[in-house]
Amino acid sequence: MTPVRILRSIVLLIALVSATWSAWGQSTAEETRAKFFDVTAGLGIDAHFAHTVANYINVLAQPRPDQRVDIIVSAPEFFASSDLQFADEWSAGIEYSLFVKSYSIEDRSGYARSEFSYQVHMPTILVHRLMFGEGYRVKVGGGMGYHFCSFRQQFQPYGNDETLKSAGPSIKLEVVGNTKFDDTFYGSIGVDLRWDFLGTLEPRDPSLTVNRAGELPSMNFFNAGIKFGVTFQLN
């Protein structure tokens, strides 16, 4: 799925949620429900915007024109979360996501290859406004977290290998819909927007000296994602 299709899917789902919210406001106030606790796990695809990292890789790797790194790329995100309803229309939870991205680039000469990969560990505390319907529920909310990045770069045939790190705060907004399969299992689909402010990458081991061109990049980035999962609920 391309970044443009991801963004189109997000816009469509937000529009559907808005329509659902209007209908829900007229139909569900009379019913008192048992409060729930649920656990969700799944996979997402993100449109990933990290222009300083893209520019850094393009300068350092000197790729052929057809291998240049785009400013917006797609990448997978694996996640697990739990959510506890604490009031009729509110819940709170915690999420852990792992975002991964890698590049393997051959330079213009065809004799050297550069490998770049990074993982971002993303724990986040969330608060949701709840909407209930017949056989489904929708959660709208967001939260904050403190995230950690591990960035590895390798240069062949030169043998240079370096691991970099950064960490910092993050803000997330999301809409999640759950469709009921039975009393315990739900399907889950969600869209989210995430801003990460992880600062400039720095060597994990300052004693290792690696020749590099220019300054290390900032690991600040923006993600827009669509996610699919399975929810296990306890009432």
C-alpha atoms as a PDB file:
ATOM      1  CA  MET A   1       0.000   0.000   0.000  1.00  0.00           C
ATOM      2  CA  THR A   2       1.436   3.351  -1.055  1.00  0.00           C
ATOM      3  CA  PRO A   3       1.600   6.400   1.270  1.00  0.00           C
ATOM      4  CA  VAL A   4      -1.013   8.190  -0.871  1.00  0.00           C
ATOM      5  CA  ARG A   5      -3.466   5.277  -0.522  1.00  0.00           C
ATOM      6  CA  ILE A   6      -2.832   5.172   3.224  1.00  0.00           C
ATOM      7  CA  LEU A   7      -3.703   8.858   3.524  1.00  0.00           C
ATOM      8  CA  ARG A   8      -6.843   8.414   1.388  1.00  0.00           C
ATOM      9  CA  SER A   9      -7.963   5.519   3.616  1.00  0.00           C
ATOM     10  CA  ILE A  10      -7.457   7.667   6.714  1.00  0.00           C
ATOM     11  CA  VAL A  11      -9.550  10.520   5.307  1.00  0.00           C
ATOM     12  CA  LEU A  12     -12.353   8.088   4.359  1.00  0.00           C
ATOM     13  CA  LEU A  13     -12.401   6.408   7.772  1.00  0.00           C
ATOM     14  CA  ILE A  14     -12.473   9.768   9.581  1.00  0.00           C
ATOM     15  CA  ALA A  15     -15.471  10.787   7.442  1.00  0.00           C
ATOM     16  CA  LEU A  16     -17.261   7.535   8.318  1.00  0.00           C
ATOM     17  CA  VAL A  17     -16.537   8.055  12.016  1.00  0.00           C
ATOM     18  CA  SER A  18     -17.991  11.574  11.846  1.00  0.00           C
ATOM     19  CA  ALA A  19     -21.197  10.213  10.322  1.00  0.00           C
ATOM     20  CA  THR A  20     -21.340   7.448  12.943  1.00  0.00           C
ATOM     21  CA  TRP A  21     -20.888   9.975  15.753  1.00  0.00           C
ATOM     22  CA  SER A  22     -23.912  11.972  14.553  1.00  0.00           C
ATOM     23  CA  ALA A  23     -26.104   8.863  14.390  1.00  0.00           C
ATOM     24  CA  TRP A  24     -24.839   7.523  17.706  1.00  0.00           C
ATOM     25  CA  GLY A  25     -25.791  10.685  19.558  1.00  0.00           C
ATOM     26  CA  GLN A  26     -29.479   9.935  18.904  1.00  0.00           C
ATOM     27  CA  SER A  27     -29.619   6.184  19.546  1.00  0.00           C
ATOM     28  CA  THR A  28     -27.587   4.766  22.453  1.00  0.00           C
ATOM     29  CA  ALA A  29     -28.042   6.870  25.573  1.00  0.00           C
ATOM     30  CA  GLU A  30     -30.742   4.652  27.095  1.00  0.00           C
ATOM     31  CA  GLU A  31     -28.597   1.519  27.539  1.00  0.00           C
ATOM     32  CA  THR A  32     -26.302   0.876  30.497  1.00  0.00           C
ATOM     33  CA  ARG A  33     -23.405  -1.414  29.659  1.00  0.00           C
ATOM     34  CA  ALA A  34     -20.943  -3.354  31.757  1.00  0.00           C
ATOM     35  CA  LYS A  35     -17.550  -1.688  31.690  1.00  0.00           C
ATOM     36  CA  PHE A  36     -14.923  -3.520  29.666  1.00  0.00           C
ATOM     37  CA  PHE A  37     -11.233  -4.295  29.668  1.00  0.00           C
ATOM     38  CA  ASP A  38      -9.724  -5.334  26.351  1.00  0.00           C
ATOM     39  CA  VAL A  39      -6.427  -6.333  24.755  1.00  0.00           C
ATOM     40  CA  THR A  40      -5.680  -5.763  21.051  1.00  0.00           C
ATOM     41  CA  ALA A  41      -2.796  -6.910  18.850  1.00  0.00           C
ATOM     42  CA  GLY A  42      -2.185  -6.363  15.172  1.00  0.00           C
ATOM     43  CA  LEU A  43      -0.258  -4.852  12.297  1.00  0.00           C
ATOM     44  CA  GLY A  44      -0.321  -1.439  10.671  1.00  0.00           C
ATOM     45  CA  ILE A  45       1.057   0.272   7.578  1.00  0.00           C
ATOM     46  CA  ASP A  46       2.340   3.816   8.039  1.00  0.00           C
ATOM     47  CA  ALA A  47       3.032   6.676   5.699  1.00  0.00           C
ATOM     48  CA  HIS A  48       6.339   7.775   7.232  1.00  0.00           C
ATOM     49  CA  PHE A  49       7.622  11.346   6.817  1.00  0.00           C
ATOM     50  CA  ALA A  50      11.222  11.800   8.014  1.00  0.00           C
ATOM     51  CA  HIS A  51      12.823  14.279   5.620  1.00  0.00           C
ATOM     52  CA  THR A  52      16.080  14.783   7.560  1.00  0.00           C
ATOM     53  CA  VAL A  53      16.749  11.026   7.594  1.00  0.00           C
ATOM     54  CA  ALA A  54      15.944  10.738   3.862  1.00  0.00           C
ATOM     55  CA  ASN A  55      18.274  13.614   3.022  1.00  0.00           C
ATOM     56  CA  TYR A  56      21.040  12.162   5.199  1.00  0.00           C
ATOM     57  CA  ILE A  57      20.837   8.732   3.520  1.00  0.00           C
ATOM     58  CA  ASN A  58      20.786  10.246   0.030  1.00  0.00           C
ATOM     59  CA  VAL A  59      23.889  12.333   0.746  1.00  0.00           C
ATOM     60  CA  LEU A  60      25.792   9.533   2.459  1.00  0.00           C
ATOM     61  CA  ALA A  61      24.904   6.615   0.172  1.00  0.00           C
ATOM     62  CA  GLN A  62      25.102   8.515  -3.140  1.00  0.00           C
ATOM     63  CA  PRO A  63      22.437   6.273  -4.726  1.00  0.00           C
ATOM     64  CA  ARG A  64      21.511   5.968  -8.360  1.00  0.00           C
ATOM     65  CA  PRO A  65      18.520   8.190  -9.270  1.00  0.00           C
ATOM     66  CA  ASP A  66      16.129   5.212  -9.195  1.00  0.00           C
ATOM     67  CA  GLN A  67      17.255   4.279  -5.647  1.00  0.00           C
ATOM     68  CA  ARG A  68      16.993   7.689  -4.007  1.00  0.00           C
ATOM     69  CA  VAL A  69      15.047   7.634  -0.733  1.00  0.00           C
ATOM     70  CA  ASP A  70      11.725   9.494  -0.928  1.00  0.00           C
ATOM     71  CA  ILE A  71      10.725  11.926   1.804  1.00  0.00           C
ATOM     72  CA  ILE A  72       7.470   9.988   2.348  1.00  0.00           C
ATOM     73  CA  VAL A  73       7.703   6.185   2.430  1.00  0.00           C
ATOM     74  CA  SER A  74       5.583   3.289   3.705  1.00  0.00           C
ATOM     75  CA  ALA A  75       6.667   1.029   6.567  1.00  0.00           C
ATOM     76  CA  PRO A  76       5.146  -1.598   8.911  1.00  0.00           C
ATOM     77  CA  GLU A  77       4.232  -1.090  12.557  1.00  0.00           C
ATOM     78  CA  PHE A  78       3.504  -3.937  14.988  1.00  0.00           C
ATOM     79  CA  PHE A  79       1.389  -3.091  18.031  1.00  0.00           C
ATOM     80  CA  ALA A  80      -0.299  -4.407  21.163  1.00  0.00           C
ATOM     81  CA  SER A  81      -2.533  -2.375  23.479  1.00  0.00           C
ATOM     82  CA  SER A  82      -4.862  -2.659  26.439  1.00  0.00           C
ATOM     83  CA  ASP A  83      -7.812  -0.422  27.250  1.00  0.00           C
ATOM     84  CA  LEU A  84      -9.948  -0.085  30.419  1.00  0.00           C
ATOM     85  CA  GLN A  85     -13.314   1.655  30.470  1.00  0.00           C
ATOM     86  CA  PHE A  86     -13.472   3.824  33.604  1.00  0.00           C
ATOM     87  CA  ALA A  87     -16.693   5.781  32.878  1.00  0.00           C
ATOM     88  CA  ASP A  88     -19.742   5.417  30.647  1.00  0.00           C
ATOM     89  CA  GLU A  89     -18.112   7.275  27.758  1.00  0.00           C
ATOM     90  CA  TRP A  90     -14.386   7.158  28.587  1.00  0.00           C
ATOM     91  CA  SER A  91     -11.542   4.661  28.658  1.00  0.00           C
ATOM     92  CA  ALA A  92      -7.788   4.779  29.199  1.00  0.00           C
ATOM     93  CA  GLY A  93      -5.036   2.439  28.128  1.00  0.00           C
ATOM     94  CA  ILE A  94      -1.464   1.822  27.167  1.00  0.00           C
ATOM     95  CA  GLU A  95      -0.010   0.804  23.815  1.00  0.00           C
ATOM     96  CA  TYR A  96       3.339  -0.563  22.735  1.00  0.00           C
ATOM     97  CA  SER A  97       4.266  -0.308  19.047  1.00  0.00           C
ATOM     98  CA  LEU A  98       7.387  -1.277  17.146  1.00  0.00           C
ATOM     99  CA  PHE A  99       8.044   0.717  13.979  1.00  0.00           C
ATOM    100  CA  VAL A 100      10.695  -0.638  11.596  1.00  0.00           C
ATOM    101  CA  LYS A 101      12.267   0.672   8.396  1.00  0.00           C
ATOM    102  CA  SER A 102      15.297  -0.386   6.342  1.00  0.00           C
ATOM    103  CA  TYR A 103      17.113   0.591   3.144  1.00  0.00           C
ATOM    104  CA  SER A 104      19.713  -1.227   1.047  1.00  0.00           C
ATOM    105  CA  ILE A 105      21.289   1.141  -1.477  1.00  0.00           C
ATOM    106  CA  GLU A 106      23.860   0.597  -4.193  1.00  0.00           C
ATOM    107  CA  ASP A 107      25.913   3.695  -5.024  1.00  0.00           C
ATOM    108  CA  ARG A 108      26.295   5.182  -8.490  1.00  0.00           C
ATOM    109  CA  SER A 109      29.541   3.318  -9.172  1.00  0.00           C
ATOM    110  CA  GLY A 110      27.946  -0.070  -8.546  1.00  0.00           C
ATOM    111  CA  TYR A 111      30.858  -1.172  -6.310  1.00  0.00           C
ATOM    112  CA  ALA A 112      29.645  -0.093  -2.861  1.00  0.00           C
ATOM    113  CA  ARG A 113      26.473  -0.794  -0.915  1.00  0.00           C
ATOM    114  CA  SER A 114      25.071   0.989   2.122  1.00  0.00           C
ATOM    115  CA  GLU A 115      22.620  -0.544   4.593  1.00  0.00           C
ATOM    116  CA  PHE A 116      20.442   1.585   6.884  1.00  0.00           C
ATOM    117  CA  SER A 117      17.829   0.292   9.307  1.00  0.00           C
ATOM    118  CA  TYR A 118      16.041   1.680  12.327  1.00  0.00           C
ATOM    119  CA  GLN A 119      13.576   0.556  14.942  1.00  0.00           C
ATOM    120  CA  VAL A 120      11.476   2.874  17.080  1.00  0.00           C
ATOM    121  CA  HIS A 121      10.040   1.492  20.334  1.00  0.00           C
ATOM    122  CA  MET A 122       6.838   3.428  21.012  1.00  0.00           C
ATOM    123  CA  PRO A 123       5.077   3.043  24.395  1.00  0.00           C
ATOM    124  CA  THR A 124       2.133   5.448  24.636  1.00  0.00           C
ATOM    125  CA  ILE A 125      -0.516   6.268  27.260  1.00  0.00           C
ATOM    126  CA  LEU A 126      -3.948   6.880  25.708  1.00  0.00           C
ATOM    127  CA  VAL A 127      -7.378   8.287  26.658  1.00  0.00           C
ATOM    128  CA  HIS A 128     -10.484   7.640  24.512  1.00  0.00           C
ATOM    129  CA  ARG A 129     -14.017   8.958  24.143  1.00  0.00           C
ATOM    130  CA  LEU A 130     -16.341   5.981  23.548  1.00  0.00           C
ATOM    131  CA  MET A 131     -19.273   5.582  21.163  1.00  0.00           C
ATOM    132  CA  PHE A 132     -21.408   2.431  21.212  1.00  0.00           C
ATOM    133  CA  GLY A 133     -23.683   0.986  18.537  1.00  0.00           C
ATOM    134  CA  GLU A 134     -25.355  -2.310  17.747  1.00  0.00           C
ATOM    135  CA  GLY A 135     -22.469  -4.776  17.445  1.00  0.00           C
ATOM    136  CA  TYR A 136     -19.674  -2.209  17.350  1.00  0.00           C
ATOM    137  CA  ARG A 137     -17.932   0.551  19.261  1.00  0.00           C
ATOM    138  CA  VAL A 138     -15.721   3.461  18.252  1.00  0.00           C
ATOM    139  CA  LYS A 139     -12.905   5.018  20.290  1.00  0.00           C
ATOM    140  CA  VAL A 140     -11.673   8.525  19.530  1.00  0.00           C
ATOM    141  CA  GLY A 141      -8.741   9.946  21.439  1.00  0.00           C
ATOM    142  CA  GLY A 142      -5.018  10.196  21.769  1.00  0.00           C
ATOM    143  CA  GLY A 143      -2.155  10.418  24.169  1.00  0.00           C
ATOM    144  CA  MET A 144       1.539  10.876  24.771  1.00  0.00           C
ATOM    145  CA  GLY A 145       4.596   8.671  25.083  1.00  0.00           C
ATOM    146  CA  TYR A 146       8.366   8.628  25.336  1.00  0.00           C
ATOM    147  CA  HIS A 147       9.975   6.730  22.461  1.00  0.00           C
ATOM    148  CA  PHE A 148      13.376   5.184  21.743  1.00  0.00           C
ATOM    149  CA  CYS A 149      15.133   4.774  18.399  1.00  0.00           C
ATOM    150  CA  SER A 150      17.983   2.441  17.425  1.00  0.00           C
ATOM    151  CA  PHE A 151      19.532   3.322  14.045  1.00  0.00           C
ATOM    152  CA  ARG A 152      22.157   1.103  12.360  1.00  0.00           C
ATOM    153  CA  GLN A 153      24.265   2.003   9.345  1.00  0.00           C
ATOM    154  CA  GLN A 154      26.706  -0.265   7.484  1.00  0.00           C
ATOM    155  CA  PHE A 155      28.964   0.598   4.568  1.00  0.00           C
ATOM    156  CA  GLN A 156      30.308  -2.122   2.277  1.00  0.00           C
ATOM    157  CA  PRO A 157      32.995  -2.978   1.208  1.00  0.00           C
ATOM    158  CA  TYR A 158      34.566  -0.554   3.701  1.00  0.00           C
ATOM    159  CA  GLY A 159      33.420  -2.519   6.741  1.00  0.00           C
ATOM    160  CA  ASN A 160      32.203   0.463   8.747  1.00  0.00           C
ATOM    161  CA  ASP A 161      29.319  -0.449  11.049  1.00  0.00           C
ATOM    162  CA  GLU A 162      27.755   1.964  13.531  1.00  0.00           C
ATOM    163  CA  THR A 163      24.702   1.988  15.795  1.00  0.00           C
ATOM    164  CA  LEU A 164      23.114   5.302  16.713  1.00  0.00           C
ATOM    165  CA  LYS A 165      20.386   6.155  19.201  1.00  0.00           C
ATOM    166  CA  SER A 166      17.904   8.882  20.131  1.00  0.00           C
ATOM    167  CA  ALA A 167      14.879   9.291  22.383  1.00  0.00           C
ATOM    168  CA  GLY A 168      12.163  11.809  23.041  1.00  0.00           C
ATOM    169  CA  PRO A 169       8.449  12.567  23.474  1.00  0.00           C
ATOM    170  CA  SER A 170       5.620  11.760  21.099  1.00  0.00           C
ATOM    171  CA  ILE A 171       2.005  12.840  20.548  1.00  0.00           C
ATOM    172  CA  LYS A 172      -0.651  10.568  19.015  1.00  0.00           C
ATOM    173  CA  LEU A 173      -4.250  11.042  17.806  1.00  0.00           C
ATOM    174  CA  GLU A 174      -6.354   8.050  16.769  1.00  0.00           C
ATOM    175  CA  VAL A 175      -9.759   6.683  15.815  1.00  0.00           C
ATOM    176  CA  VAL A 176     -10.376   2.958  16.414  1.00  0.00           C
ATOM    177  CA  GLY A 177     -13.439   0.927  15.477  1.00  0.00           C
ATOM    178  CA  ASN A 178     -14.232  -2.504  16.960  1.00  0.00           C
ATOM    179  CA  THR A 179     -16.700  -4.871  15.260  1.00  0.00           C
ATOM    180  CA  LYS A 180     -18.163  -7.637  17.409  1.00  0.00           C
ATOM    181  CA  PHE A 181     -17.577 -11.279  16.409  1.00  0.00           C
ATOM    182  CA  ASP A 182     -18.907 -12.731  19.671  1.00  0.00           C
ATOM    183  CA  ASP A 183     -18.996 -11.765  23.355  1.00  0.00           C
ATOM    184  CA  THR A 184     -15.219 -12.073  23.629  1.00  0.00           C
ATOM    185  CA  PHE A 185     -13.661 -11.323  20.236  1.00  0.00           C
ATOM    186  CA  TYR A 186     -13.805  -8.170  18.142  1.00  0.00           C
ATOM    187  CA  GLY A 187     -12.156  -7.107  14.920  1.00  0.00           C
ATOM    188  CA  SER A 188     -10.230  -3.849  15.106  1.00  0.00           C
ATOM    189  CA  ILE A 189      -9.461  -1.197  12.485  1.00  0.00           C
ATOM    190  CA  GLY A 190      -7.956   2.176  13.275  1.00  0.00           C
ATOM    191  CA  VAL A 191      -6.239   5.204  11.861  1.00  0.00           C
ATOM    192  CA  ASP A 192      -3.747   7.378  13.679  1.00  0.00           C
ATOM    193  CA  LEU A 193      -1.506  10.394  13.382  1.00  0.00           C
ATOM    194  CA  ARG A 194       1.758  10.460  15.324  1.00  0.00           C
ATOM    195  CA  TRP A 195       4.390  13.157  15.851  1.00  0.00           C
ATOM    196  CA  ASP A 196       7.735  12.008  17.288  1.00  0.00           C
ATOM    197  CA  PHE A 197      10.364  14.443  18.573  1.00  0.00           C
ATOM    198  CA  LEU A 198      13.352  12.191  19.171  1.00  0.00           C
ATOM    199  CA  GLY A 199      16.116  14.730  18.532  1.00  0.00           C
ATOM    200  CA  THR A 200      19.466  14.239  16.841  1.00  0.00           C
ATOM    201  CA  LEU A 201      20.902  10.748  16.519  1.00  0.00           C
ATOM    202  CA  GLU A 202      24.105  10.119  18.466  1.00  0.00           C
ATOM    203  CA  PRO A 203      26.558   7.194  18.630  1.00  0.00           C
ATOM    204  CA  ARG A 204      25.617   4.463  21.053  1.00  0.00           C
ATOM    205  CA  ASP A 205      29.321   3.862  21.675  1.00  0.00           C
ATOM    206  CA  PRO A 206      31.184   7.221  21.439  1.00  0.00           C
ATOM    207  CA  SER A 207      34.549   5.422  21.506  1.00  0.00           C
ATOM    208  CA  LEU A 208      33.954   3.983  18.013  1.00  0.00           C
ATOM    209  CA  THR A 209      35.079   6.318  15.239  1.00  0.00           C
ATOM    210  CA  VAL A 210      33.323   6.065  11.886  1.00  0.00           C
ATOM    211  CA  ASN A 211      34.034   8.263   8.903  1.00  0.00           C
ATOM    212  CA  ARG A 212      30.833   9.943   7.769  1.00  0.00           C
ATOM    213  CA  ALA A 213      29.918  12.879   5.574  1.00  0.00           C
ATOM    214  CA  GLY A 214      28.173  15.763   7.322  1.00  0.00           C
ATOM    215  CA  GLU A 215      26.281  15.898  10.592  1.00  0.00           C
ATOM    216  CA  LEU A 216      24.029  13.189  11.962  1.00  0.00           C
ATOM    217  CA  PRO A 217      20.326  13.765  11.231  1.00  0.00           C
ATOM    218  CA  SER A 218      17.403  14.534  13.492  1.00  0.00           C
ATOM    219  CA  MET A 219      15.101  11.591  14.146  1.00  0.00           C
ATOM    220  CA  ASN A 220      11.975  13.758  14.343  1.00  0.00           C
ATOM    221  CA  PHE A 221       9.222  12.333  12.134  1.00  0.00           C
ATOM    222  CA  PHE A 222       5.500  12.196  11.374  1.00  0.00           C
ATOM    223  CA  ASN A 223       3.483   9.011  10.764  1.00  0.00           C
ATOM    224  CA  ALA A 224      -0.039   8.551   9.421  1.00  0.00           C
ATOM    225  CA  GLY A 225      -1.158   4.957   9.674  1.00  0.00           C
ATOM    226  CA  ILE A 226      -3.956   2.466   9.195  1.00  0.00           C
ATOM    227  CA  LYS A 227      -4.009  -0.554  11.526  1.00  0.00           C
ATOM    228  CA  PHE A 228      -5.790  -3.909  11.659  1.00  0.00           C
ATOM    229  CA  GLY A 229      -6.004  -6.238  14.624  1.00  0.00           C
ATOM    230  CA  VAL A 230      -7.987  -8.598  16.834  1.00  0.00           C
ATOM    231  CA  THR A 231      -9.417  -7.539  20.205  1.00  0.00           C
ATOM    232  CA  PHE A 232     -10.009  -9.864  23.165  1.00  0.00           C
ATOM    233  CA  GLN A 233     -12.516  -8.350  25.635  1.00  0.00           C
ATOM    234  CA  LEU A 234     -13.283  -9.029  29.283  1.00  0.00           C
ATOM    235  CA  ASN A 235     -16.428  -7.425  30.718  1.00  0.00           C
END
